[in-house]
Amino acid sequence: MTTADHKPQILAFLAQFFGEHRLTDDEDIFATGFVNSLFIMQLVLFVEGEFDITVDDDDLEMANFNTVRAIDALVTRKRAAVGAAAQHS
């Protein structure tokens, strides 16, 4: 099984909020001061729509969304779970 890199799509989405600032994979998105309180909802909706996954209540932890690498890992885990469930049905 190959692991997809979701970072390009994540970075493209985040770029609209960060202007000229180039985020690194491990930079804390929320510590930069570029985002407001509505941003997290926009980010969750983007992740669900872009990657066709459902972000469950248990997934709504800051650690899953505070860096590009963390978002990518969440998407990878959720998509793998969806794929595994589809294989067993």
N, C-alpha and C. Protein backbone atom coordinates (compact mmCIF):
# COMPACT_ATOMS: atom_id res chain seq x y z
N MET A 1 0.85 -1.19 0.00
CA MET A 1 0.00 0.00 0.00
C MET A 1 0.89 1.24 0.00
N THR A 2 0.59 2.18 -0.87
CA THR A 2 1.36 3.42 -0.93
C THR A 2 0.72 4.47 -0.03
N THR A 3 1.56 5.32 0.49
CA THR A 3 1.08 6.40 1.34
C THR A 3 1.04 7.67 0.52
N ALA A 4 -0.12 8.27 0.42
CA ALA A 4 -0.26 9.51 -0.33
C ALA A 4 0.25 10.67 0.51
N ASP A 5 0.81 11.65 -0.16
CA ASP A 5 1.25 12.87 0.50
C ASP A 5 0.17 13.92 0.29
N HIS A 6 -0.51 14.27 1.36
CA HIS A 6 -1.60 15.23 1.27
C HIS A 6 -1.12 16.66 1.51
N LYS A 7 0.16 16.81 1.78
CA LYS A 7 0.69 18.13 2.16
C LYS A 7 0.50 19.20 1.09
N PRO A 8 0.66 18.90 -0.21
CA PRO A 8 0.46 19.97 -1.20
C PRO A 8 -0.94 20.59 -1.13
N GLN A 9 -1.98 19.76 -1.00
CA GLN A 9 -3.33 20.30 -0.90
C GLN A 9 -3.53 21.07 0.40
N ILE A 10 -2.97 20.54 1.48
CA ILE A 10 -3.09 21.21 2.79
C ILE A 10 -2.40 22.57 2.72
N LEU A 11 -1.19 22.61 2.19
CA LEU A 11 -0.46 23.87 2.09
C LEU A 11 -1.16 24.87 1.18
N ALA A 12 -1.75 24.39 0.09
CA ALA A 12 -2.48 25.28 -0.82
C ALA A 12 -3.67 25.91 -0.10
N PHE A 13 -4.40 25.12 0.68
CA PHE A 13 -5.52 25.66 1.45
C PHE A 13 -5.04 26.69 2.47
N LEU A 14 -4.00 26.35 3.21
CA LEU A 14 -3.50 27.23 4.26
C LEU A 14 -2.92 28.52 3.71
N ALA A 15 -2.40 28.49 2.50
CA ALA A 15 -1.78 29.67 1.90
C ALA A 15 -2.73 30.85 1.83
N GLN A 16 -4.03 30.60 1.68
CA GLN A 16 -4.98 31.70 1.60
C GLN A 16 -5.11 32.45 2.92
N PHE A 17 -4.68 31.86 4.01
CA PHE A 17 -4.75 32.49 5.32
C PHE A 17 -3.42 33.09 5.75
N PHE A 18 -2.33 32.63 5.14
CA PHE A 18 -1.00 33.01 5.59
C PHE A 18 -0.26 33.95 4.65
N GLY A 19 -0.89 34.30 3.54
CA GLY A 19 -0.27 35.25 2.62
C GLY A 19 1.12 34.81 2.19
N GLU A 20 2.09 35.68 2.38
CA GLU A 20 3.47 35.42 1.96
C GLU A 20 4.22 34.50 2.93
N HIS A 21 3.68 34.29 4.10
CA HIS A 21 4.35 33.44 5.09
C HIS A 21 4.34 31.99 4.61
N ARG A 22 5.51 31.37 4.54
CA ARG A 22 5.63 29.98 4.11
C ARG A 22 5.68 29.08 5.33
N LEU A 23 4.64 28.31 5.54
CA LEU A 23 4.60 27.38 6.67
C LEU A 23 5.54 26.20 6.43
N THR A 24 6.20 25.77 7.46
CA THR A 24 6.96 24.53 7.39
C THR A 24 6.06 23.40 7.88
N ASP A 25 6.45 22.17 7.63
CA ASP A 25 5.61 21.03 7.99
C ASP A 25 5.36 20.92 9.49
N ASP A 26 6.29 21.41 10.30
CA ASP A 26 6.17 21.27 11.74
C ASP A 26 5.88 22.58 12.48
N GLU A 27 5.60 23.64 11.75
CA GLU A 27 5.32 24.94 12.37
C GLU A 27 3.91 24.95 12.95
N ASP A 28 3.77 25.43 14.17
CA ASP A 28 2.46 25.48 14.83
C ASP A 28 1.60 26.55 14.16
N ILE A 29 0.58 26.10 13.47
CA ILE A 29 -0.30 26.98 12.72
C ILE A 29 -0.96 28.03 13.61
N PHE A 30 -1.35 27.62 14.80
CA PHE A 30 -2.10 28.49 15.69
C PHE A 30 -1.21 29.47 16.44
N ALA A 31 0.08 29.20 16.52
CA ALA A 31 1.01 30.09 17.22
C ALA A 31 1.49 31.23 16.31
N THR A 32 1.19 31.16 15.03
CA THR A 32 1.68 32.17 14.09
C THR A 32 0.95 33.50 14.20
N GLY A 33 -0.30 33.47 14.70
CA GLY A 33 -1.07 34.70 14.81
C GLY A 33 -1.82 35.07 13.53
N PHE A 34 -1.75 34.24 12.52
CA PHE A 34 -2.40 34.54 11.24
C PHE A 34 -3.87 34.12 11.20
N VAL A 35 -4.30 33.25 12.10
CA VAL A 35 -5.65 32.68 12.00
C VAL A 35 -6.52 33.15 13.16
N ASN A 36 -7.85 33.12 12.91
CA ASN A 36 -8.79 33.52 13.96
C ASN A 36 -9.59 32.32 14.43
N SER A 37 -10.55 32.55 15.29
CA SER A 37 -11.30 31.46 15.91
C SER A 37 -12.16 30.68 14.91
N LEU A 38 -12.55 31.29 13.82
CA LEU A 38 -13.35 30.59 12.81
C LEU A 38 -12.50 29.67 11.94
N PHE A 39 -11.21 29.88 11.96
CA PHE A 39 -10.31 29.13 11.10
C PHE A 39 -10.40 27.63 11.33
N ILE A 40 -10.48 27.19 12.57
CA ILE A 40 -10.48 25.74 12.85
C ILE A 40 -11.67 25.07 12.18
N MET A 41 -12.83 25.72 12.18
CA MET A 41 -13.99 25.13 11.50
C MET A 41 -13.77 25.08 9.99
N GLN A 42 -13.19 26.12 9.44
CA GLN A 42 -12.89 26.12 8.02
C GLN A 42 -11.89 25.01 7.69
N LEU A 43 -10.93 24.82 8.56
CA LEU A 43 -9.93 23.79 8.35
C LEU A 43 -10.55 22.39 8.40
N VAL A 44 -11.40 22.15 9.37
CA VAL A 44 -12.08 20.85 9.48
C VAL A 44 -12.94 20.60 8.25
N LEU A 45 -13.70 21.59 7.83
CA LEU A 45 -14.55 21.42 6.64
C LEU A 45 -13.71 21.17 5.39
N PHE A 46 -12.59 21.86 5.27
CA PHE A 46 -11.68 21.61 4.15
C PHE A 46 -11.18 20.18 4.16
N VAL A 47 -10.69 19.72 5.30
CA VAL A 47 -10.15 18.36 5.42
C VAL A 47 -11.21 17.33 5.04
N GLU A 48 -12.41 17.51 5.56
CA GLU A 48 -13.48 16.55 5.24
C GLU A 48 -13.83 16.56 3.76
N GLY A 49 -13.97 17.74 3.19
CA GLY A 49 -14.37 17.84 1.78
C GLY A 49 -13.27 17.46 0.81
N GLU A 50 -12.07 17.92 1.06
CA GLU A 50 -10.95 17.68 0.15
C GLU A 50 -10.53 16.22 0.12
N PHE A 51 -10.58 15.56 1.27
CA PHE A 51 -10.06 14.20 1.36
C PHE A 51 -11.15 13.15 1.57
N ASP A 52 -12.41 13.58 1.50
CA ASP A 52 -13.56 12.67 1.59
C ASP A 52 -13.49 11.78 2.84
N ILE A 53 -13.28 12.43 3.98
CA ILE A 53 -13.27 11.73 5.26
C ILE A 53 -14.20 12.45 6.21
N THR A 54 -14.51 11.80 7.31
CA THR A 54 -15.30 12.41 8.37
C THR A 54 -14.40 12.62 9.57
N VAL A 55 -14.34 13.85 10.04
CA VAL A 55 -13.60 14.17 11.25
C VAL A 55 -14.56 13.98 12.41
N ASP A 56 -14.32 12.96 13.20
CA ASP A 56 -15.19 12.65 14.33
C ASP A 56 -14.86 13.53 15.53
N ASP A 57 -15.76 13.58 16.49
CA ASP A 57 -15.53 14.37 17.71
C ASP A 57 -14.21 14.00 18.37
N ASP A 58 -13.89 12.71 18.37
CA ASP A 58 -12.64 12.25 18.99
C ASP A 58 -11.40 12.79 18.27
N ASP A 59 -11.57 13.18 17.01
CA ASP A 59 -10.45 13.70 16.22
C ASP A 59 -10.22 15.20 16.44
N LEU A 60 -11.19 15.86 17.08
CA LEU A 60 -11.12 17.31 17.24
C LEU A 60 -10.20 17.71 18.39
N GLU A 61 -8.96 17.30 18.27
CA GLU A 61 -7.93 17.68 19.23
C GLU A 61 -6.94 18.58 18.52
N MET A 62 -6.46 19.59 19.20
CA MET A 62 -5.53 20.54 18.60
C MET A 62 -4.32 19.82 18.01
N ALA A 63 -3.88 18.75 18.64
CA ALA A 63 -2.71 18.02 18.17
C ALA A 63 -2.90 17.45 16.76
N ASN A 64 -4.13 17.25 16.33
CA ASN A 64 -4.41 16.74 14.99
C ASN A 64 -4.40 17.83 13.93
N PHE A 65 -4.40 19.09 14.35
CA PHE A 65 -4.55 20.20 13.40
C PHE A 65 -3.51 21.30 13.54
N ASN A 66 -2.57 21.17 14.47
CA ASN A 66 -1.70 22.32 14.72
C ASN A 66 -0.50 22.44 13.79
N THR A 67 -0.22 21.41 12.99
CA THR A 67 0.85 21.50 11.99
C THR A 67 0.42 20.83 10.70
N VAL A 68 1.10 21.15 9.63
CA VAL A 68 0.82 20.50 8.35
C VAL A 68 1.05 19.00 8.48
N ARG A 69 2.13 18.62 9.16
CA ARG A 69 2.45 17.20 9.34
C ARG A 69 1.34 16.49 10.13
N ALA A 70 0.79 17.14 11.15
CA ALA A 70 -0.28 16.53 11.96
C ALA A 70 -1.56 16.36 11.14
N ILE A 71 -1.89 17.34 10.33
CA ILE A 71 -3.09 17.24 9.47
C ILE A 71 -2.90 16.11 8.47
N ASP A 72 -1.74 16.05 7.86
CA ASP A 72 -1.43 14.99 6.91
C ASP A 72 -1.55 13.62 7.57
N ALA A 73 -1.04 13.48 8.78
CA ALA A 73 -1.12 12.20 9.51
C ALA A 73 -2.56 11.84 9.82
N LEU A 74 -3.37 12.82 10.21
CA LEU A 74 -4.80 12.57 10.48
C LEU A 74 -5.49 12.08 9.21
N VAL A 75 -5.27 12.76 8.11
CA VAL A 75 -5.89 12.37 6.84
C VAL A 75 -5.46 10.96 6.45
N THR A 76 -4.18 10.67 6.59
CA THR A 76 -3.67 9.34 6.25
C THR A 76 -4.33 8.27 7.11
N ARG A 77 -4.44 8.51 8.42
CA ARG A 77 -5.09 7.54 9.32
C ARG A 77 -6.56 7.35 8.95
N LYS A 78 -7.27 8.44 8.73
CA LYS A 78 -8.71 8.35 8.44
C LYS A 78 -8.96 7.66 7.10
N ARG A 79 -8.16 7.97 6.10
CA ARG A 79 -8.34 7.34 4.79
C ARG A 79 -7.98 5.86 4.85
N ALA A 80 -6.97 5.51 5.62
CA ALA A 80 -6.61 4.10 5.78
C ALA A 80 -7.74 3.33 6.47
N ALA A 81 -8.38 3.95 7.45
CA ALA A 81 -9.49 3.31 8.16
C ALA A 81 -10.68 3.13 7.22
N VAL A 82 -10.94 4.11 6.38
CA VAL A 82 -12.04 4.00 5.40
C VAL A 82 -11.73 2.89 4.41
N GLY A 83 -10.48 2.84 3.95
CA GLY A 83 -10.08 1.80 3.00
C GLY A 83 -10.16 0.41 3.60
N ALA A 84 -9.77 0.28 4.85
CA ALA A 84 -9.83 -1.02 5.54
C ALA A 84 -11.28 -1.46 5.72
N ALA A 85 -12.14 -0.52 6.07
CA ALA A 85 -13.56 -0.84 6.25
C ALA A 85 -14.19 -1.25 4.93
N ALA A 86 -13.79 -0.62 3.85
CA ALA A 86 -14.34 -0.96 2.53
C ALA A 86 -13.90 -2.36 2.09
N GLN A 87 -12.69 -2.75 2.45
CA GLN A 87 -12.20 -4.08 2.08
C GLN A 87 -12.93 -5.18 2.83
N HIS A 88 -13.43 -4.87 4.03
CA HIS A 88 -14.10 -5.88 4.85
C HIS A 88 -15.60 -5.95 4.61
N SER A 89 -16.10 -5.09 3.76
CA SER A 89 -17.56 -5.12 3.52
C SER A 89 -17.91 -5.77 2.21
